[in-house]
Structure formats: C-alpha cells, structure tokens
Amino acid sequence: MRTRPDSLSKITVGDEQITVDEQGFLIEPEDWNERVAEEFAGRLGVTLTDAHWAVLRFMREFLAEHGVAADARFVFRFLEKQGASGAGSGRERFFQLFPYGYVSQACKIAGMRQPRAWSTG
C-alpha cells in the first residue's frame, strides 16, 4: 500500500464528506459503507449485483481480519469456492464482474487504499 498520496480531496456521499486520493481511493478504509460502495460503483459504471456484494464483503472481511487488503488470488479462490456462478474459473468470473480489474474497480469500490503495485493472480 502507498503510504502518502500526492494530493487529497473531499467528496460528498449522502450527507458525509470523505477524503480520497488523486485516483479516487479512500484514504481511510474505515470511511467505507454501502453508500460509498454504491457511489464509487456508479462513478466507475458498475451496477452492483449480489455477486459483486459477495466479493466486496469478502474483501472487507479480509481487511478486518488481517489488517491488509486481500491479494487478488484470494478473491479468485473465494469465487471458485462460491461456484463462480457459471462456467469458468474464479479469475474469469472476477473479470466478468469487474472488467477493468482488481485495483481499478474492486479495490476502489471495496474502500481499500490505493496499492503501490498489485498481483492480478
């Protein structure tokens, strides 16, 4: 994870002001809630379904339990264990849900801080 973003700004979600970095990632993952997820998803052109919410909740639970964001391969395994709702691997299902990727969409919508670099599995 990056330790210092280059610039910060505030955005309004509902009646709350939250701080994001220059790429739109939350500065404080504790500011995340379902309204924030909906706002970020809308900005990214993602309509959240039950399958999206399952991934987002898994990512949030992993963060709460381990203190760090889950690597993409853990999310792919989670989807495989879920049966991935159809043909293909967990990775394929993931990219059906978040076509622009783990960092660009899933991490941002799930309220993770922007990582410096990330494995996509």
N, C-alpha and C. Protein backbone atom coordinates (compact mmCIF):
# COMPACT_ATOMS: atom_id res chain seq x y z
N MET A 1 0.84 -1.19 0.00
CA MET A 1 0.00 0.00 0.00
C MET A 1 0.88 1.25 0.00
N ARG A 2 0.38 2.24 -0.67
CA ARG A 2 1.10 3.51 -0.65
C ARG A 2 0.99 4.11 0.73
N THR A 3 2.01 4.83 1.14
CA THR A 3 1.96 5.44 2.47
C THR A 3 1.51 6.89 2.42
N ARG A 4 1.80 7.61 1.32
CA ARG A 4 1.41 9.01 1.21
C ARG A 4 0.91 9.33 -0.18
N PRO A 5 -0.34 9.65 -0.32
CA PRO A 5 -0.84 10.07 -1.63
C PRO A 5 -0.29 11.45 -1.97
N ASP A 6 -0.27 11.77 -3.26
CA ASP A 6 0.24 13.06 -3.70
C ASP A 6 -0.70 14.21 -3.36
N SER A 7 -2.01 13.99 -3.49
CA SER A 7 -2.97 15.04 -3.15
C SER A 7 -4.25 14.41 -2.64
N LEU A 8 -4.96 15.16 -1.82
CA LEU A 8 -6.20 14.71 -1.22
C LEU A 8 -7.34 15.63 -1.64
N SER A 9 -8.54 15.07 -1.69
CA SER A 9 -9.72 15.89 -1.92
C SER A 9 -10.88 15.28 -1.15
N LYS A 10 -11.92 16.04 -1.04
CA LYS A 10 -13.13 15.59 -0.35
C LYS A 10 -14.23 15.38 -1.38
N ILE A 11 -15.00 14.31 -1.18
CA ILE A 11 -16.18 14.11 -1.99
C ILE A 11 -17.36 13.93 -1.04
N THR A 12 -18.53 14.23 -1.53
CA THR A 12 -19.74 14.09 -0.73
C THR A 12 -20.44 12.80 -1.13
N VAL A 13 -20.73 11.99 -0.13
CA VAL A 13 -21.52 10.77 -0.32
C VAL A 13 -22.66 10.84 0.67
N GLY A 14 -23.87 11.00 0.14
CA GLY A 14 -25.01 11.23 1.03
C GLY A 14 -24.81 12.54 1.73
N ASP A 15 -24.81 12.52 3.07
CA ASP A 15 -24.59 13.74 3.83
C ASP A 15 -23.20 13.75 4.49
N GLU A 16 -22.31 12.88 4.01
CA GLU A 16 -20.97 12.78 4.58
C GLU A 16 -19.91 13.26 3.60
N GLN A 17 -18.86 13.83 4.15
CA GLN A 17 -17.67 14.20 3.38
C GLN A 17 -16.60 13.13 3.65
N ILE A 18 -16.06 12.55 2.58
CA ILE A 18 -14.99 11.58 2.76
C ILE A 18 -13.78 12.03 1.96
N THR A 19 -12.61 11.64 2.44
CA THR A 19 -11.35 12.04 1.82
C THR A 19 -10.86 10.94 0.90
N VAL A 20 -10.49 11.34 -0.32
CA VAL A 20 -9.95 10.41 -1.30
C VAL A 20 -8.63 10.95 -1.83
N ASP A 21 -7.83 10.04 -2.40
CA ASP A 21 -6.58 10.48 -3.02
C ASP A 21 -6.84 10.93 -4.45
N GLU A 22 -5.78 11.26 -5.17
CA GLU A 22 -5.93 11.79 -6.52
C GLU A 22 -6.52 10.79 -7.51
N GLN A 23 -6.49 9.50 -7.17
CA GLN A 23 -7.07 8.46 -8.03
C GLN A 23 -8.48 8.06 -7.58
N GLY A 24 -8.97 8.67 -6.49
CA GLY A 24 -10.32 8.39 -6.01
C GLY A 24 -10.42 7.25 -5.01
N PHE A 25 -9.29 6.80 -4.47
CA PHE A 25 -9.30 5.76 -3.44
C PHE A 25 -9.49 6.40 -2.07
N LEU A 26 -10.20 5.70 -1.20
CA LEU A 26 -10.36 6.19 0.17
C LEU A 26 -9.00 6.31 0.86
N ILE A 27 -8.87 7.33 1.67
CA ILE A 27 -7.66 7.48 2.49
C ILE A 27 -7.82 6.63 3.75
N GLU A 28 -9.02 6.61 4.30
CA GLU A 28 -9.32 5.83 5.50
C GLU A 28 -10.34 4.75 5.15
N PRO A 29 -9.92 3.48 5.08
CA PRO A 29 -10.87 2.42 4.76
C PRO A 29 -12.07 2.36 5.73
N GLU A 30 -11.90 2.91 6.93
CA GLU A 30 -12.99 2.93 7.90
C GLU A 30 -14.13 3.85 7.47
N ASP A 31 -13.89 4.72 6.50
CA ASP A 31 -14.94 5.60 5.98
C ASP A 31 -15.90 4.87 5.04
N TRP A 32 -15.57 3.63 4.71
CA TRP A 32 -16.37 2.86 3.76
C TRP A 32 -17.69 2.42 4.37
N ASN A 33 -18.72 2.46 3.56
CA ASN A 33 -20.00 1.83 3.89
C ASN A 33 -20.68 1.52 2.55
N GLU A 34 -21.85 0.92 2.60
CA GLU A 34 -22.50 0.52 1.36
C GLU A 34 -22.86 1.70 0.46
N ARG A 35 -23.15 2.84 1.05
CA ARG A 35 -23.43 4.03 0.24
C ARG A 35 -22.19 4.48 -0.52
N VAL A 36 -21.04 4.40 0.15
CA VAL A 36 -19.78 4.74 -0.51
C VAL A 36 -19.53 3.77 -1.67
N ALA A 37 -19.76 2.49 -1.43
CA ALA A 37 -19.58 1.49 -2.49
C ALA A 37 -20.49 1.80 -3.68
N GLU A 38 -21.74 2.11 -3.41
CA GLU A 38 -22.67 2.44 -4.49
C GLU A 38 -22.21 3.67 -5.27
N GLU A 39 -21.75 4.69 -4.55
CA GLU A 39 -21.27 5.91 -5.20
C GLU A 39 -20.06 5.61 -6.09
N PHE A 40 -19.07 4.90 -5.56
CA PHE A 40 -17.88 4.58 -6.34
C PHE A 40 -18.24 3.70 -7.53
N ALA A 41 -19.11 2.71 -7.32
CA ALA A 41 -19.52 1.83 -8.42
C ALA A 41 -20.19 2.64 -9.53
N GLY A 42 -21.07 3.55 -9.15
CA GLY A 42 -21.72 4.39 -10.15
C GLY A 42 -20.73 5.22 -10.93
N ARG A 43 -19.74 5.77 -10.25
CA ARG A 43 -18.72 6.57 -10.93
C ARG A 43 -17.89 5.72 -11.89
N LEU A 44 -17.80 4.42 -11.60
CA LEU A 44 -17.00 3.51 -12.43
C LEU A 44 -17.84 2.74 -13.44
N GLY A 45 -19.14 3.00 -13.47
CA GLY A 45 -20.01 2.34 -14.43
C GLY A 45 -20.32 0.89 -14.09
N VAL A 46 -20.28 0.55 -12.80
CA VAL A 46 -20.58 -0.81 -12.36
C VAL A 46 -21.91 -0.81 -11.63
N THR A 47 -22.82 -1.67 -12.05
CA THR A 47 -24.08 -1.87 -11.35
C THR A 47 -23.89 -3.05 -10.41
N LEU A 48 -23.97 -2.79 -9.12
CA LEU A 48 -23.68 -3.83 -8.13
C LEU A 48 -24.81 -4.85 -8.03
N THR A 49 -24.42 -6.12 -8.19
CA THR A 49 -25.34 -7.25 -8.06
C THR A 49 -24.98 -8.00 -6.78
N ASP A 50 -25.74 -9.03 -6.47
CA ASP A 50 -25.43 -9.86 -5.30
C ASP A 50 -24.03 -10.45 -5.41
N ALA A 51 -23.61 -10.82 -6.62
CA ALA A 51 -22.26 -11.39 -6.81
C ALA A 51 -21.18 -10.35 -6.51
N HIS A 52 -21.41 -9.10 -6.91
CA HIS A 52 -20.47 -8.03 -6.59
C HIS A 52 -20.38 -7.84 -5.07
N TRP A 53 -21.56 -7.78 -4.43
CA TRP A 53 -21.59 -7.57 -2.99
C TRP A 53 -20.87 -8.70 -2.25
N ALA A 54 -20.99 -9.92 -2.73
CA ALA A 54 -20.29 -11.04 -2.08
C ALA A 54 -18.78 -10.81 -2.13
N VAL A 55 -18.27 -10.37 -3.27
CA VAL A 55 -16.84 -10.09 -3.39
C VAL A 55 -16.44 -8.93 -2.49
N LEU A 56 -17.22 -7.85 -2.50
CA LEU A 56 -16.90 -6.69 -1.68
C LEU A 56 -16.91 -7.04 -0.20
N ARG A 57 -17.88 -7.81 0.23
CA ARG A 57 -17.94 -8.21 1.65
C ARG A 57 -16.76 -9.11 2.01
N PHE A 58 -16.39 -10.03 1.10
CA PHE A 58 -15.21 -10.86 1.34
C PHE A 58 -13.97 -9.98 1.52
N MET A 59 -13.80 -9.00 0.64
CA MET A 59 -12.63 -8.12 0.72
C MET A 59 -12.63 -7.33 2.03
N ARG A 60 -13.79 -6.84 2.44
CA ARG A 60 -13.88 -6.07 3.69
C ARG A 60 -13.60 -6.96 4.90
N GLU A 61 -14.13 -8.18 4.89
CA GLU A 61 -13.87 -9.11 5.99
C GLU A 61 -12.40 -9.48 6.06
N PHE A 62 -11.76 -9.68 4.92
CA PHE A 62 -10.34 -10.00 4.88
C PHE A 62 -9.54 -8.84 5.48
N LEU A 63 -9.88 -7.62 5.09
CA LEU A 63 -9.21 -6.44 5.63
C LEU A 63 -9.37 -6.37 7.14
N ALA A 64 -10.58 -6.58 7.63
CA ALA A 64 -10.83 -6.52 9.07
C ALA A 64 -10.07 -7.60 9.82
N GLU A 65 -9.99 -8.78 9.26
CA GLU A 65 -9.34 -9.91 9.92
C GLU A 65 -7.82 -9.83 9.87
N HIS A 66 -7.26 -9.40 8.73
CA HIS A 66 -5.82 -9.46 8.53
C HIS A 66 -5.12 -8.10 8.58
N GLY A 67 -5.89 -7.03 8.53
CA GLY A 67 -5.29 -5.69 8.58
C GLY A 67 -4.70 -5.23 7.26
N VAL A 68 -4.83 -6.03 6.22
CA VAL A 68 -4.36 -5.67 4.88
C VAL A 68 -5.41 -6.11 3.87
N ALA A 69 -5.36 -5.50 2.71
CA ALA A 69 -6.28 -5.90 1.64
C ALA A 69 -5.89 -7.27 1.11
N ALA A 70 -6.87 -8.04 0.72
CA ALA A 70 -6.62 -9.36 0.14
C ALA A 70 -5.95 -9.23 -1.21
N ASP A 71 -4.99 -10.09 -1.48
CA ASP A 71 -4.40 -10.16 -2.81
C ASP A 71 -5.47 -10.71 -3.75
N ALA A 72 -5.38 -10.37 -5.01
CA ALA A 72 -6.38 -10.79 -5.99
C ALA A 72 -6.58 -12.30 -6.00
N ARG A 73 -5.52 -13.07 -5.83
CA ARG A 73 -5.66 -14.53 -5.89
C ARG A 73 -6.58 -15.06 -4.80
N PHE A 74 -6.67 -14.39 -3.65
CA PHE A 74 -7.59 -14.81 -2.60
C PHE A 74 -9.03 -14.58 -3.03
N VAL A 75 -9.27 -13.49 -3.74
CA VAL A 75 -10.61 -13.21 -4.23
C VAL A 75 -10.99 -14.21 -5.31
N PHE A 76 -10.05 -14.56 -6.19
CA PHE A 76 -10.32 -15.56 -7.21
C PHE A 76 -10.69 -16.90 -6.56
N ARG A 77 -9.96 -17.29 -5.52
CA ARG A 77 -10.27 -18.54 -4.80
C ARG A 77 -11.63 -18.47 -4.14
N PHE A 78 -11.95 -17.31 -3.56
CA PHE A 78 -13.27 -17.13 -2.96
C PHE A 78 -14.36 -17.38 -3.99
N LEU A 79 -14.21 -16.81 -5.17
CA LEU A 79 -15.21 -17.01 -6.22
C LEU A 79 -15.29 -18.47 -6.66
N GLU A 80 -14.15 -19.14 -6.72
CA GLU A 80 -14.16 -20.56 -7.08
C GLU A 80 -14.93 -21.37 -6.04
N LYS A 81 -14.72 -21.06 -4.76
CA LYS A 81 -15.44 -21.77 -3.69
C LYS A 81 -16.94 -21.47 -3.73
N GLN A 82 -17.28 -20.29 -4.23
CA GLN A 82 -18.70 -19.91 -4.36
C GLN A 82 -19.36 -20.59 -5.55
N GLY A 83 -18.57 -21.29 -6.34
CA GLY A 83 -19.10 -21.92 -7.53
C GLY A 83 -19.02 -21.00 -8.73
N ALA A 84 -18.56 -19.79 -8.51
CA ALA A 84 -18.34 -18.79 -9.55
C ALA A 84 -19.55 -18.58 -10.46
N SER A 85 -20.73 -18.99 -10.02
CA SER A 85 -21.99 -18.72 -10.73
C SER A 85 -21.91 -18.96 -12.23
N GLY A 86 -21.36 -20.08 -12.62
CA GLY A 86 -21.33 -20.40 -14.05
C GLY A 86 -20.00 -20.97 -14.46
N ALA A 87 -19.80 -21.06 -15.74
CA ALA A 87 -18.59 -21.65 -16.29
C ALA A 87 -17.40 -20.74 -16.07
N GLY A 88 -16.24 -21.36 -16.04
CA GLY A 88 -15.00 -20.60 -15.93
C GLY A 88 -14.45 -20.58 -14.54
N SER A 89 -13.24 -20.12 -14.44
CA SER A 89 -12.53 -20.06 -13.17
C SER A 89 -12.98 -18.85 -12.35
N GLY A 90 -12.51 -18.82 -11.12
CA GLY A 90 -12.78 -17.65 -10.29
C GLY A 90 -12.22 -16.38 -10.90
N ARG A 91 -11.07 -16.51 -11.53
CA ARG A 91 -10.46 -15.35 -12.19
C ARG A 91 -11.36 -14.85 -13.33
N GLU A 92 -11.85 -15.78 -14.15
CA GLU A 92 -12.73 -15.38 -15.26
C GLU A 92 -14.00 -14.72 -14.74
N ARG A 93 -14.57 -15.30 -13.69
CA ARG A 93 -15.79 -14.73 -13.10
C ARG A 93 -15.51 -13.35 -12.54
N PHE A 94 -14.36 -13.20 -11.90
CA PHE A 94 -13.99 -11.91 -11.34
C PHE A 94 -13.98 -10.83 -12.42
N PHE A 95 -13.35 -11.13 -13.56
CA PHE A 95 -13.25 -10.14 -14.62
C PHE A 95 -14.57 -9.92 -15.36
N GLN A 96 -15.51 -10.84 -15.20
CA GLN A 96 -16.86 -10.57 -15.68
C GLN A 96 -17.52 -9.52 -14.79
N LEU A 97 -17.27 -9.62 -13.49
CA LEU A 97 -17.86 -8.68 -12.53
C LEU A 97 -17.17 -7.31 -12.56
N PHE A 98 -15.85 -7.33 -12.65
CA PHE A 98 -15.03 -6.11 -12.60
C PHE A 98 -14.11 -6.10 -13.82
N PRO A 99 -14.63 -5.75 -14.99
CA PRO A 99 -13.85 -5.89 -16.23
C PRO A 99 -12.60 -5.04 -16.29
N TYR A 100 -12.52 -3.96 -15.52
CA TYR A 100 -11.33 -3.12 -15.55
C TYR A 100 -10.35 -3.47 -14.44
N GLY A 101 -10.61 -4.57 -13.74
CA GLY A 101 -9.60 -5.12 -12.87
C GLY A 101 -9.77 -4.94 -11.38
N TYR A 102 -8.86 -5.61 -10.72
CA TYR A 102 -8.88 -5.68 -9.27
C TYR A 102 -8.64 -4.32 -8.63
N VAL A 103 -7.57 -3.66 -9.02
CA VAL A 103 -7.24 -2.37 -8.42
C VAL A 103 -8.18 -1.28 -8.93
N SER A 104 -8.38 -1.21 -10.24
CA SER A 104 -9.15 -0.11 -10.83
C SER A 104 -10.61 -0.09 -10.40
N GLN A 105 -11.18 -1.25 -10.13
CA GLN A 105 -12.59 -1.27 -9.75
C GLN A 105 -12.83 -1.91 -8.38
N ALA A 106 -12.44 -3.15 -8.19
CA ALA A 106 -12.80 -3.85 -6.95
C ALA A 106 -12.22 -3.19 -5.71
N CYS A 107 -10.93 -2.88 -5.73
CA CYS A 107 -10.32 -2.26 -4.54
C CYS A 107 -10.93 -0.90 -4.25
N LYS A 108 -11.19 -0.15 -5.28
CA LYS A 108 -11.75 1.19 -5.08
C LYS A 108 -13.17 1.08 -4.51
N ILE A 109 -14.01 0.23 -5.10
CA ILE A 109 -15.39 0.10 -4.64
C ILE A 109 -15.45 -0.49 -3.24
N ALA A 110 -14.52 -1.38 -2.91
CA ALA A 110 -14.49 -2.00 -1.58
C ALA A 110 -13.87 -1.11 -0.53
N GLY A 111 -13.38 0.06 -0.92
CA GLY A 111 -12.85 1.01 0.06
C GLY A 111 -11.44 0.73 0.52
N MET A 112 -10.64 0.08 -0.31
CA MET A 112 -9.25 -0.16 0.02
C MET A 112 -8.43 1.08 -0.31
N ARG A 113 -7.30 1.22 0.35
CA ARG A 113 -6.36 2.26 -0.05
C ARG A 113 -5.73 1.85 -1.37
N GLN A 114 -5.24 2.82 -2.11
CA GLN A 114 -4.60 2.51 -3.39
C GLN A 114 -3.28 1.80 -3.15
N PRO A 115 -3.13 0.62 -3.73
CA PRO A 115 -1.86 -0.09 -3.59
C PRO A 115 -0.79 0.49 -4.50
N ARG A 116 0.47 0.29 -4.10
CA ARG A 116 1.59 0.71 -4.94
C ARG A 116 1.68 -0.17 -6.16
N ALA A 117 1.60 -1.47 -5.94
CA ALA A 117 1.65 -2.46 -7.02
C ALA A 117 0.82 -3.64 -6.57
N TRP A 118 0.31 -4.40 -7.52
CA TRP A 118 -0.58 -5.48 -7.14
C TRP A 118 -0.45 -6.63 -8.11
N SER A 119 -0.48 -7.83 -7.60
CA SER A 119 -0.55 -9.01 -8.45
C SER A 119 -2.00 -9.21 -8.85
N THR A 120 -2.25 -9.53 -10.10
CA THR A 120 -3.60 -9.81 -10.53
C THR A 120 -3.85 -11.31 -10.58
N GLY A 121 -2.97 -12.07 -9.98
CA GLY A 121 -3.18 -13.51 -9.89
C GLY A 121 -2.64 -14.18 -11.07
